[in-house]
Amino acid sequence: MKHPAFDFYVHIDKKTDVEPFRYLFNSQNIFLIRNRTKIYWAGWGTIQATINGFNEILPKQYDYINVISAQDFPIKSANYIYQYINERQGQEFITCQSVDEEWAEAASRVYEYHLINWQIPGRHKLETIINKILPKRKYPLPHKIVGRANWFTITKDAAQYLLNFIDQHPEVVRFFKYCWGADEIIFSTILYNSNFKKSIVDNLVYVDWSGQKHGHPKILTAEDIEKLKASDKLLARKFDIEKDESIFSLLEEWVKTNQLTI
């Protein structure tokens, strides 16, 4: 997806050899996040990778930062995406569902202890023992805890606020390091409980949770093309090239011929 206003910053798991991806960075608008970190599913690593990305991107003075994964794909053209966000300057596109209300199934992630960041034998048994002995966890600040997705589009000011807040509140970092899947909660919660709350709207990513398995959304295939065409979102997830490669060609052709402008 090419647009003169778009640059791409790619974080590659520190456990992964970067050399097979080196060709990507021959393009003028694609950059490697230099400060790489190790990623373990549902652990702090995803959060740290986002923080590292913010630290390298913010000095470049972009208006917005869009955080997506390798399993996301645009369902609108580059021009459409640019115009859509440009006409909504100041809005923060980040989903904020309460873990006590709309997203209650996530409450245990927050209020119970999780040792996801400790790669030790017997971790799950130890978690069970700890949660039987210790009382329900309490967030260290008088904040409403919200979240749902760790894929969002926010202003440079919101991203800088997140960095400053995390740096100034080590107790919040400690709290979230004992959560499971905290990447889907920490950024939403910090912004929701700030002056940015009034500017928050839902994120820009289409996700189908109807076929979820063990916390994973449905893998989108060619069967979902009509739903994707009808969506008002700008991107979608999850895709898996090994499950269905044809969906990418279908989306590319449709975006090219039908979604050039708003």
C-alpha atoms as a PDB file:
ATOM      1  CA  MET A   1       0.000   0.000   0.000  1.00  0.00           C
ATOM      2  CA  LYS A   2       1.725   3.139  -1.257  1.00  0.00           C
ATOM      3  CA  HIS A   3       0.869   6.727  -0.406  1.00  0.00           C
ATOM      4  CA  PRO A   4       3.182   9.764  -0.143  1.00  0.00           C
ATOM      5  CA  ALA A   5       1.977  10.366   3.433  1.00  0.00           C
ATOM      6  CA  PHE A   6       2.555   6.780   4.612  1.00  0.00           C
ATOM      7  CA  ASP A   7       5.712   5.251   6.053  1.00  0.00           C
ATOM      8  CA  PHE A   8       5.964   1.759   7.512  1.00  0.00           C
ATOM      9  CA  TYR A   9       7.932   0.695  10.579  1.00  0.00           C
ATOM     10  CA  VAL A  10       8.335  -3.042  11.095  1.00  0.00           C
ATOM     11  CA  HIS A  11       9.165  -4.729  14.380  1.00  0.00           C
ATOM     12  CA  ILE A  12      10.648  -8.201  13.944  1.00  0.00           C
ATOM     13  CA  ASP A  13      10.680 -10.504  16.956  1.00  0.00           C
ATOM     14  CA  LYS A  14      14.196 -10.549  18.398  1.00  0.00           C
ATOM     15  CA  LYS A  15      14.057 -14.365  18.393  1.00  0.00           C
ATOM     16  CA  THR A  16      13.716 -14.241  14.591  1.00  0.00           C
ATOM     17  CA  ASP A  17      16.546 -13.859  12.083  1.00  0.00           C
ATOM     18  CA  VAL A  18      16.108 -10.458  10.443  1.00  0.00           C
ATOM     19  CA  GLU A  19      18.068 -11.302   7.286  1.00  0.00           C
ATOM     20  CA  PRO A  20      15.168 -12.892   5.306  1.00  0.00           C
ATOM     21  CA  PHE A  21      13.295  -9.606   5.763  1.00  0.00           C
ATOM     22  CA  ARG A  22      16.178  -7.300   4.924  1.00  0.00           C
ATOM     23  CA  TYR A  23      14.943  -6.761   1.334  1.00  0.00           C
ATOM     24  CA  LEU A  24      11.894  -4.903   2.678  1.00  0.00           C
ATOM     25  CA  PHE A  25      14.054  -2.083   3.908  1.00  0.00           C
ATOM     26  CA  ASN A  26      15.378  -1.254   0.466  1.00  0.00           C
ATOM     27  CA  SER A  27      12.189   0.778  -0.006  1.00  0.00           C
ATOM     28  CA  GLN A  28      12.385   4.444   0.947  1.00  0.00           C
ATOM     29  CA  ASN A  29       9.316   4.325   3.158  1.00  0.00           C
ATOM     30  CA  ILE A  30       9.857   1.039   5.051  1.00  0.00           C
ATOM     31  CA  PHE A  31      12.017   1.006   8.177  1.00  0.00           C
ATOM     32  CA  LEU A  32      13.113  -1.620  10.686  1.00  0.00           C
ATOM     33  CA  ILE A  33      12.486  -0.892  14.355  1.00  0.00           C
ATOM     34  CA  ARG A  34      16.075  -1.030  15.579  1.00  0.00           C
ATOM     35  CA  ASN A  35      15.344  -1.724  19.240  1.00  0.00           C
ATOM     36  CA  ARG A  36      13.845  -5.188  18.867  1.00  0.00           C
ATOM     37  CA  THR A  37      12.453  -7.265  21.709  1.00  0.00           C
ATOM     38  CA  LYS A  38      11.433 -10.884  22.193  1.00  0.00           C
ATOM     39  CA  ILE A  39       7.738 -11.614  21.687  1.00  0.00           C
ATOM     40  CA  TYR A  40       5.749 -14.309  23.479  1.00  0.00           C
ATOM     41  CA  TRP A  41       2.036 -14.562  22.821  1.00  0.00           C
ATOM     42  CA  ALA A  42      -0.050 -12.614  25.374  1.00  0.00           C
ATOM     43  CA  GLY A  43       3.089 -11.393  27.153  1.00  0.00           C
ATOM     44  CA  TRP A  44       4.664  -8.010  27.800  1.00  0.00           C
ATOM     45  CA  GLY A  45       6.860  -8.277  24.691  1.00  0.00           C
ATOM     46  CA  THR A  46       4.122  -6.994  22.374  1.00  0.00           C
ATOM     47  CA  ILE A  47       3.693  -3.948  24.597  1.00  0.00           C
ATOM     48  CA  GLN A  48       7.435  -3.346  24.709  1.00  0.00           C
ATOM     49  CA  ALA A  49       7.667  -3.641  20.927  1.00  0.00           C
ATOM     50  CA  THR A  50       4.956  -0.970  20.595  1.00  0.00           C
ATOM     51  CA  ILE A  51       6.757   1.282  23.068  1.00  0.00           C
ATOM     52  CA  ASN A  52      10.023   0.808  21.174  1.00  0.00           C
ATOM     53  CA  GLY A  53       8.239   1.657  17.953  1.00  0.00           C
ATOM     54  CA  PHE A  54       6.755   4.838  19.416  1.00  0.00           C
ATOM     55  CA  ASN A  55      10.182   5.925  20.615  1.00  0.00           C
ATOM     56  CA  GLU A  56      11.621   5.617  17.116  1.00  0.00           C
ATOM     57  CA  ILE A  57       8.607   6.982  15.216  1.00  0.00           C
ATOM     58  CA  LEU A  58       7.586  10.014  17.289  1.00  0.00           C
ATOM     59  CA  PRO A  59      10.693  12.122  16.502  1.00  0.00           C
ATOM     60  CA  LYS A  60       9.609  11.993  12.823  1.00  0.00           C
ATOM     61  CA  GLN A  61       6.476  14.067  13.624  1.00  0.00           C
ATOM     62  CA  TYR A  62       3.731  12.084  11.905  1.00  0.00           C
ATOM     63  CA  ASP A  63       0.130  13.114  12.598  1.00  0.00           C
ATOM     64  CA  TYR A  64      -0.990   9.532  13.326  1.00  0.00           C
ATOM     65  CA  ILE A  65       0.503   6.172  14.221  1.00  0.00           C
ATOM     66  CA  ASN A  66      -1.349   3.044  13.130  1.00  0.00           C
ATOM     67  CA  VAL A  67      -0.471  -0.132  15.058  1.00  0.00           C
ATOM     68  CA  ILE A  68      -1.261  -3.348  13.172  1.00  0.00           C
ATOM     69  CA  SER A  69       0.061  -6.900  12.958  1.00  0.00           C
ATOM     70  CA  ALA A  70       1.395  -9.080  10.166  1.00  0.00           C
ATOM     71  CA  GLN A  71      -2.032 -10.734   9.957  1.00  0.00           C
ATOM     72  CA  ASP A  72      -3.854  -7.488   9.100  1.00  0.00           C
ATOM     73  CA  PHE A  73      -4.706  -6.359   5.567  1.00  0.00           C
ATOM     74  CA  PRO A  74      -6.265  -3.146   4.165  1.00  0.00           C
ATOM     75  CA  ILE A  75      -9.826  -3.328   2.860  1.00  0.00           C
ATOM     76  CA  LYS A  76      -9.836   0.253   1.588  1.00  0.00           C
ATOM     77  CA  SER A  77      -7.450   2.019  -0.780  1.00  0.00           C
ATOM     78  CA  ALA A  78      -4.530   4.105   0.437  1.00  0.00           C
ATOM     79  CA  ASN A  79      -6.265   7.286  -0.757  1.00  0.00           C
ATOM     80  CA  TYR A  80      -9.438   6.340   1.069  1.00  0.00           C
ATOM     81  CA  ILE A  81      -7.551   5.603   4.297  1.00  0.00           C
ATOM     82  CA  TYR A  82      -5.667   8.894   4.078  1.00  0.00           C
ATOM     83  CA  GLN A  83      -8.815  10.928   3.440  1.00  0.00           C
ATOM     84  CA  TYR A  84     -10.819   9.117   6.109  1.00  0.00           C
ATOM     85  CA  ILE A  85      -8.310   9.850   8.873  1.00  0.00           C
ATOM     86  CA  ASN A  86      -7.491  13.335   7.598  1.00  0.00           C
ATOM     87  CA  GLU A  87     -11.175  14.309   7.845  1.00  0.00           C
ATOM     88  CA  ARG A  88     -11.255  13.076  11.454  1.00  0.00           C
ATOM     89  CA  GLN A  89      -8.156  14.803  12.780  1.00  0.00           C
ATOM     90  CA  GLY A  90      -7.921  14.602  16.563  1.00  0.00           C
ATOM     91  CA  GLN A  91      -9.937  11.402  16.986  1.00  0.00           C
ATOM     92  CA  GLU A  92      -8.292   8.438  18.712  1.00  0.00           C
ATOM     93  CA  PHE A  93      -9.336   5.159  17.089  1.00  0.00           C
ATOM     94  CA  ILE A  94      -8.916   2.691  19.948  1.00  0.00           C
ATOM     95  CA  THR A  95     -11.532   0.274  21.292  1.00  0.00           C
ATOM     96  CA  CYS A  96     -12.391   0.767  24.970  1.00  0.00           C
ATOM     97  CA  GLN A  97     -14.809  -1.837  26.322  1.00  0.00           C
ATOM     98  CA  SER A  98     -15.055  -2.199  30.084  1.00  0.00           C
ATOM     99  CA  VAL A  99     -13.728  -5.494  31.481  1.00  0.00           C
ATOM    100  CA  ASP A 100     -16.449  -5.216  34.142  1.00  0.00           C
ATOM    101  CA  GLU A 101     -19.261  -4.709  31.643  1.00  0.00           C
ATOM    102  CA  GLU A 102     -19.151  -5.175  27.826  1.00  0.00           C
ATOM    103  CA  TRP A 103     -15.983  -7.309  27.882  1.00  0.00           C
ATOM    104  CA  ALA A 104     -16.541  -9.216  31.107  1.00  0.00           C
ATOM    105  CA  GLU A 105     -14.879 -12.389  29.813  1.00  0.00           C
ATOM    106  CA  ALA A 106     -11.560 -10.544  30.068  1.00  0.00           C
ATOM    107  CA  ALA A 107     -11.925  -9.752  33.774  1.00  0.00           C
ATOM    108  CA  SER A 108      -9.897 -12.775  34.882  1.00  0.00           C
ATOM    109  CA  ARG A 109      -6.960 -11.523  32.800  1.00  0.00           C
ATOM    110  CA  VAL A 110      -6.780  -8.480  35.029  1.00  0.00           C
ATOM    111  CA  TYR A 111      -7.988  -9.559  38.467  1.00  0.00           C
ATOM    112  CA  GLU A 112      -6.083 -12.858  38.644  1.00  0.00           C
ATOM    113  CA  TYR A 113      -2.321 -13.388  38.612  1.00  0.00           C
ATOM    114  CA  HIS A 114      -0.740 -14.593  35.385  1.00  0.00           C
ATOM    115  CA  LEU A 115       2.892 -15.599  34.962  1.00  0.00           C
ATOM    116  CA  ILE A 116       2.903 -15.283  31.172  1.00  0.00           C
ATOM    117  CA  ASN A 117       6.170 -13.324  31.268  1.00  0.00           C
ATOM    118  CA  TRP A 118       8.039 -15.966  33.229  1.00  0.00           C
ATOM    119  CA  GLN A 119       9.136 -18.842  31.008  1.00  0.00           C
ATOM    120  CA  ILE A 120       9.498 -21.334  33.876  1.00  0.00           C
ATOM    121  CA  PRO A 121       8.473 -24.986  34.353  1.00  0.00           C
ATOM    122  CA  GLY A 122       5.223 -25.496  36.246  1.00  0.00           C
ATOM    123  CA  ARG A 123       4.079 -21.950  35.581  1.00  0.00           C
ATOM    124  CA  HIS A 124       0.402 -22.794  35.197  1.00  0.00           C
ATOM    125  CA  LYS A 125       0.292 -24.872  38.374  1.00  0.00           C
ATOM    126  CA  LEU A 126       1.982 -22.048  40.243  1.00  0.00           C
ATOM    127  CA  GLU A 127      -0.589 -19.589  38.891  1.00  0.00           C
ATOM    128  CA  THR A 128      -3.401 -21.775  40.209  1.00  0.00           C
ATOM    129  CA  ILE A 129      -1.869 -21.910  43.671  1.00  0.00           C
ATOM    130  CA  ILE A 130      -1.203 -18.169  43.780  1.00  0.00           C
ATOM    131  CA  ASN A 131      -4.753 -17.301  42.760  1.00  0.00           C
ATOM    132  CA  LYS A 132      -6.208 -19.619  45.405  1.00  0.00           C
ATOM    133  CA  ILE A 133      -4.111 -18.050  48.145  1.00  0.00           C
ATOM    134  CA  LEU A 134      -4.022 -14.367  47.247  1.00  0.00           C
ATOM    135  CA  PRO A 135      -6.989 -11.962  47.056  1.00  0.00           C
ATOM    136  CA  LYS A 136      -8.317 -10.461  43.849  1.00  0.00           C
ATOM    137  CA  ARG A 137      -5.830  -8.067  42.273  1.00  0.00           C
ATOM    138  CA  LYS A 138      -6.459  -4.306  42.436  1.00  0.00           C
ATOM    139  CA  TYR A 139      -5.392  -1.785  39.845  1.00  0.00           C
ATOM    140  CA  PRO A 140      -2.994   0.700  41.469  1.00  0.00           C
ATOM    141  CA  LEU A 141      -4.901   3.773  40.242  1.00  0.00           C
ATOM    142  CA  PRO A 142      -8.596   4.767  40.479  1.00  0.00           C
ATOM    143  CA  HIS A 143      -9.146   4.019  36.787  1.00  0.00           C
ATOM    144  CA  LYS A 144     -11.761   2.173  34.789  1.00  0.00           C
ATOM    145  CA  ILE A 145     -10.063  -0.747  33.029  1.00  0.00           C
ATOM    146  CA  VAL A 146     -10.984  -1.047  29.371  1.00  0.00           C
ATOM    147  CA  GLY A 147      -9.706  -2.587  26.162  1.00  0.00           C
ATOM    148  CA  ARG A 148     -10.399  -5.245  23.548  1.00  0.00           C
ATOM    149  CA  ALA A 149      -7.830  -4.832  20.755  1.00  0.00           C
ATOM    150  CA  ASN A 150      -4.142  -3.982  20.664  1.00  0.00           C
ATOM    151  CA  TRP A 151      -4.490  -2.648  17.107  1.00  0.00           C
ATOM    152  CA  PHE A 152      -5.279   1.042  17.001  1.00  0.00           C
ATOM    153  CA  THR A 153      -4.735   4.376  15.247  1.00  0.00           C
ATOM    154  CA  ILE A 154      -3.835   7.312  17.490  1.00  0.00           C
ATOM    155  CA  THR A 155      -2.443  10.822  17.224  1.00  0.00           C
ATOM    156  CA  LYS A 156       1.203  11.577  17.925  1.00  0.00           C
ATOM    157  CA  ASP A 157       0.097  13.462  21.061  1.00  0.00           C
ATOM    158  CA  ALA A 158      -1.721  10.393  22.398  1.00  0.00           C
ATOM    159  CA  ALA A 159       1.293   8.191  21.660  1.00  0.00           C
ATOM    160  CA  GLN A 160       3.589  10.612  23.479  1.00  0.00           C
ATOM    161  CA  TYR A 161       1.171  10.688  26.416  1.00  0.00           C
ATOM    162  CA  LEU A 162       1.285   6.888  26.597  1.00  0.00           C
ATOM    163  CA  LEU A 163       5.091   6.899  26.698  1.00  0.00           C
ATOM    164  CA  ASN A 164       5.178   9.573  29.396  1.00  0.00           C
ATOM    165  CA  PHE A 165       2.528   7.843  31.504  1.00  0.00           C
ATOM    166  CA  ILE A 166       4.231   4.464  31.353  1.00  0.00           C
ATOM    167  CA  ASP A 167       7.573   6.055  32.242  1.00  0.00           C
ATOM    168  CA  GLN A 168       6.056   7.914  35.207  1.00  0.00           C
ATOM    169  CA  HIS A 169       3.986   5.008  36.569  1.00  0.00           C
ATOM    170  CA  PRO A 170       6.156   1.924  37.190  1.00  0.00           C
ATOM    171  CA  GLU A 171       3.385   0.555  39.410  1.00  0.00           C
ATOM    172  CA  VAL A 172       1.133   0.321  36.345  1.00  0.00           C
ATOM    173  CA  VAL A 173       3.853  -1.541  34.442  1.00  0.00           C
ATOM    174  CA  ARG A 174       4.235  -3.988  37.347  1.00  0.00           C
ATOM    175  CA  PHE A 175       0.473  -4.539  37.428  1.00  0.00           C
ATOM    176  CA  PHE A 176       0.172  -5.294  33.736  1.00  0.00           C
ATOM    177  CA  LYS A 177       3.166  -7.607  33.719  1.00  0.00           C
ATOM    178  CA  TYR A 178       1.045 -10.008  35.783  1.00  0.00           C
ATOM    179  CA  CYS A 179      -1.902  -9.804  33.352  1.00  0.00           C
ATOM    180  CA  TRP A 180      -2.578 -12.138  30.459  1.00  0.00           C
ATOM    181  CA  GLY A 181      -2.853 -10.375  27.097  1.00  0.00           C
ATOM    182  CA  ALA A 182      -2.216  -6.964  28.635  1.00  0.00           C
ATOM    183  CA  ASP A 183      -1.442  -5.549  25.185  1.00  0.00           C
ATOM    184  CA  GLU A 184      -5.200  -5.492  24.562  1.00  0.00           C
ATOM    185  CA  ILE A 185      -5.820  -3.453  27.715  1.00  0.00           C
ATOM    186  CA  ILE A 186      -2.943  -1.199  28.795  1.00  0.00           C
ATOM    187  CA  PHE A 187      -3.009   1.434  26.037  1.00  0.00           C
ATOM    188  CA  SER A 188      -6.817   1.671  25.992  1.00  0.00           C
ATOM    189  CA  THR A 189      -6.991   1.997  29.762  1.00  0.00           C
ATOM    190  CA  ILE A 190      -4.370   4.744  29.968  1.00  0.00           C
ATOM    191  CA  LEU A 191      -6.003   6.865  27.248  1.00  0.00           C
ATOM    192  CA  TYR A 192      -9.559   6.240  28.472  1.00  0.00           C
ATOM    193  CA  ASN A 193      -8.645   7.609  31.889  1.00  0.00           C
ATOM    194  CA  SER A 194      -7.082  10.772  30.503  1.00  0.00           C
ATOM    195  CA  ASN A 195      -8.123  13.951  28.709  1.00  0.00           C
ATOM    196  CA  PHE A 196      -8.014  11.941  25.481  1.00  0.00           C
ATOM    197  CA  LYS A 197     -11.191  10.083  26.502  1.00  0.00           C
ATOM    198  CA  LYS A 198     -13.450  12.656  24.834  1.00  0.00           C
ATOM    199  CA  SER A 199     -11.746  11.976  21.477  1.00  0.00           C
ATOM    200  CA  ILE A 200     -11.900   8.164  21.590  1.00  0.00           C
ATOM    201  CA  VAL A 201     -13.891   6.255  18.962  1.00  0.00           C
ATOM    202  CA  ASP A 202     -13.850   2.599  17.963  1.00  0.00           C
ATOM    203  CA  ASN A 203     -10.798   1.272  16.134  1.00  0.00           C
ATOM    204  CA  LEU A 204     -10.569   0.874  12.359  1.00  0.00           C
ATOM    205  CA  VAL A 205     -10.081  -2.895  12.124  1.00  0.00           C
ATOM    206  CA  TYR A 206     -12.734  -5.426  11.087  1.00  0.00           C
ATOM    207  CA  VAL A 207     -12.634  -8.614  13.196  1.00  0.00           C
ATOM    208  CA  ASP A 208     -15.059 -11.544  13.133  1.00  0.00           C
ATOM    209  CA  TRP A 209     -15.400 -13.024  16.602  1.00  0.00           C
ATOM    210  CA  SER A 210     -18.207 -15.390  15.636  1.00  0.00           C
ATOM    211  CA  GLY A 211     -15.790 -18.233  14.998  1.00  0.00           C
ATOM    212  CA  GLN A 212     -13.361 -17.561  17.803  1.00  0.00           C
ATOM    213  CA  LYS A 213     -11.399 -20.420  19.319  1.00  0.00           C
ATOM    214  CA  HIS A 214      -9.491 -20.018  22.592  1.00  0.00           C
ATOM    215  CA  GLY A 215      -9.488 -16.230  22.314  1.00  0.00           C
ATOM    216  CA  HIS A 216      -8.621 -16.128  18.607  1.00  0.00           C
ATOM    217  CA  PRO A 217     -10.971 -14.501  16.066  1.00  0.00           C
ATOM    218  CA  LYS A 218     -12.072 -16.232  12.892  1.00  0.00           C
ATOM    219  CA  ILE A 219      -9.455 -16.576  10.143  1.00  0.00           C
ATOM    220  CA  LEU A 220     -10.905 -14.649   7.191  1.00  0.00           C
ATOM    221  CA  THR A 221     -11.113 -16.401   3.815  1.00  0.00           C
ATOM    222  CA  ALA A 222     -12.616 -15.856   0.368  1.00  0.00           C
ATOM    223  CA  GLU A 223     -15.977 -16.801   1.886  1.00  0.00           C
ATOM    224  CA  ASP A 224     -15.863 -13.529   3.846  1.00  0.00           C
ATOM    225  CA  ILE A 225     -15.254 -11.224   0.872  1.00  0.00           C
ATOM    226  CA  GLU A 226     -18.786  -9.772   0.790  1.00  0.00           C
ATOM    227  CA  LYS A 227     -18.682  -8.960   4.497  1.00  0.00           C
ATOM    228  CA  LEU A 228     -15.338  -7.250   4.019  1.00  0.00           C
ATOM    229  CA  LYS A 229     -16.646  -5.226   1.073  1.00  0.00           C
ATOM    230  CA  ALA A 230     -19.630  -4.094   3.142  1.00  0.00           C
ATOM    231  CA  SER A 231     -17.569  -3.104   6.194  1.00  0.00           C
ATOM    232  CA  ASP A 232     -16.924   0.559   6.995  1.00  0.00           C
ATOM    233  CA  LYS A 233     -13.593  -0.383   8.597  1.00  0.00           C
ATOM    234  CA  LEU A 234     -10.278   0.399   6.909  1.00  0.00           C
ATOM    235  CA  LEU A 235      -8.414  -2.833   7.681  1.00  0.00           C
ATOM    236  CA  ALA A 236      -9.292  -6.377   8.663  1.00  0.00           C
ATOM    237  CA  ARG A 237      -7.819  -9.322  10.530  1.00  0.00           C
ATOM    238  CA  LYS A 238      -6.945 -12.167  10.876  1.00  0.00           C
ATOM    239  CA  PHE A 239      -5.650 -13.576   7.632  1.00  0.00           C
ATOM    240  CA  ASP A 240      -3.503 -16.661   7.166  1.00  0.00           C
ATOM    241  CA  ILE A 241      -1.813 -17.222   3.814  1.00  0.00           C
ATOM    242  CA  GLU A 242      -1.515 -20.947   4.563  1.00  0.00           C
ATOM    243  CA  LYS A 243      -5.263 -21.277   5.061  1.00  0.00           C
ATOM    244  CA  ASP A 244      -6.418 -19.147   2.124  1.00  0.00           C
ATOM    245  CA  GLU A 245      -4.148 -17.202  -0.196  1.00  0.00           C
ATOM    246  CA  SER A 246      -6.889 -16.249  -2.656  1.00  0.00           C
ATOM    247  CA  ILE A 247      -8.505 -13.727  -0.308  1.00  0.00           C
ATOM    248  CA  PHE A 248      -5.575 -11.337  -0.816  1.00  0.00           C
ATOM    249  CA  SER A 249      -5.991 -11.229  -4.590  1.00  0.00           C
ATOM    250  CA  LEU A 250      -9.722 -10.690  -4.213  1.00  0.00           C
ATOM    251  CA  LEU A 251      -9.218  -7.814  -1.799  1.00  0.00           C
ATOM    252  CA  GLU A 252      -6.465  -6.210  -3.864  1.00  0.00           C
ATOM    253  CA  GLU A 253      -8.616  -6.239  -6.993  1.00  0.00           C
ATOM    254  CA  TRP A 254     -11.694  -4.929  -5.197  1.00  0.00           C
ATOM    255  CA  VAL A 255      -9.785  -2.129  -3.436  1.00  0.00           C
ATOM    256  CA  LYS A 256      -8.114  -1.139  -6.691  1.00  0.00           C
ATOM    257  CA  THR A 257     -11.336  -0.860  -8.670  1.00  0.00           C
ATOM    258  CA  ASN A 258     -13.959   0.187  -6.121  1.00  0.00           C
ATOM    259  CA  GLN A 259     -12.498   2.166  -3.235  1.00  0.00           C
ATOM    260  CA  LEU A 260     -10.302   4.927  -4.654  1.00  0.00           C
ATOM    261  CA  THR A 261     -11.984   7.813  -2.826  1.00  0.00           C
ATOM    262  CA  ILE A 262     -14.441   8.477  -0.046  1.00  0.00           C
END
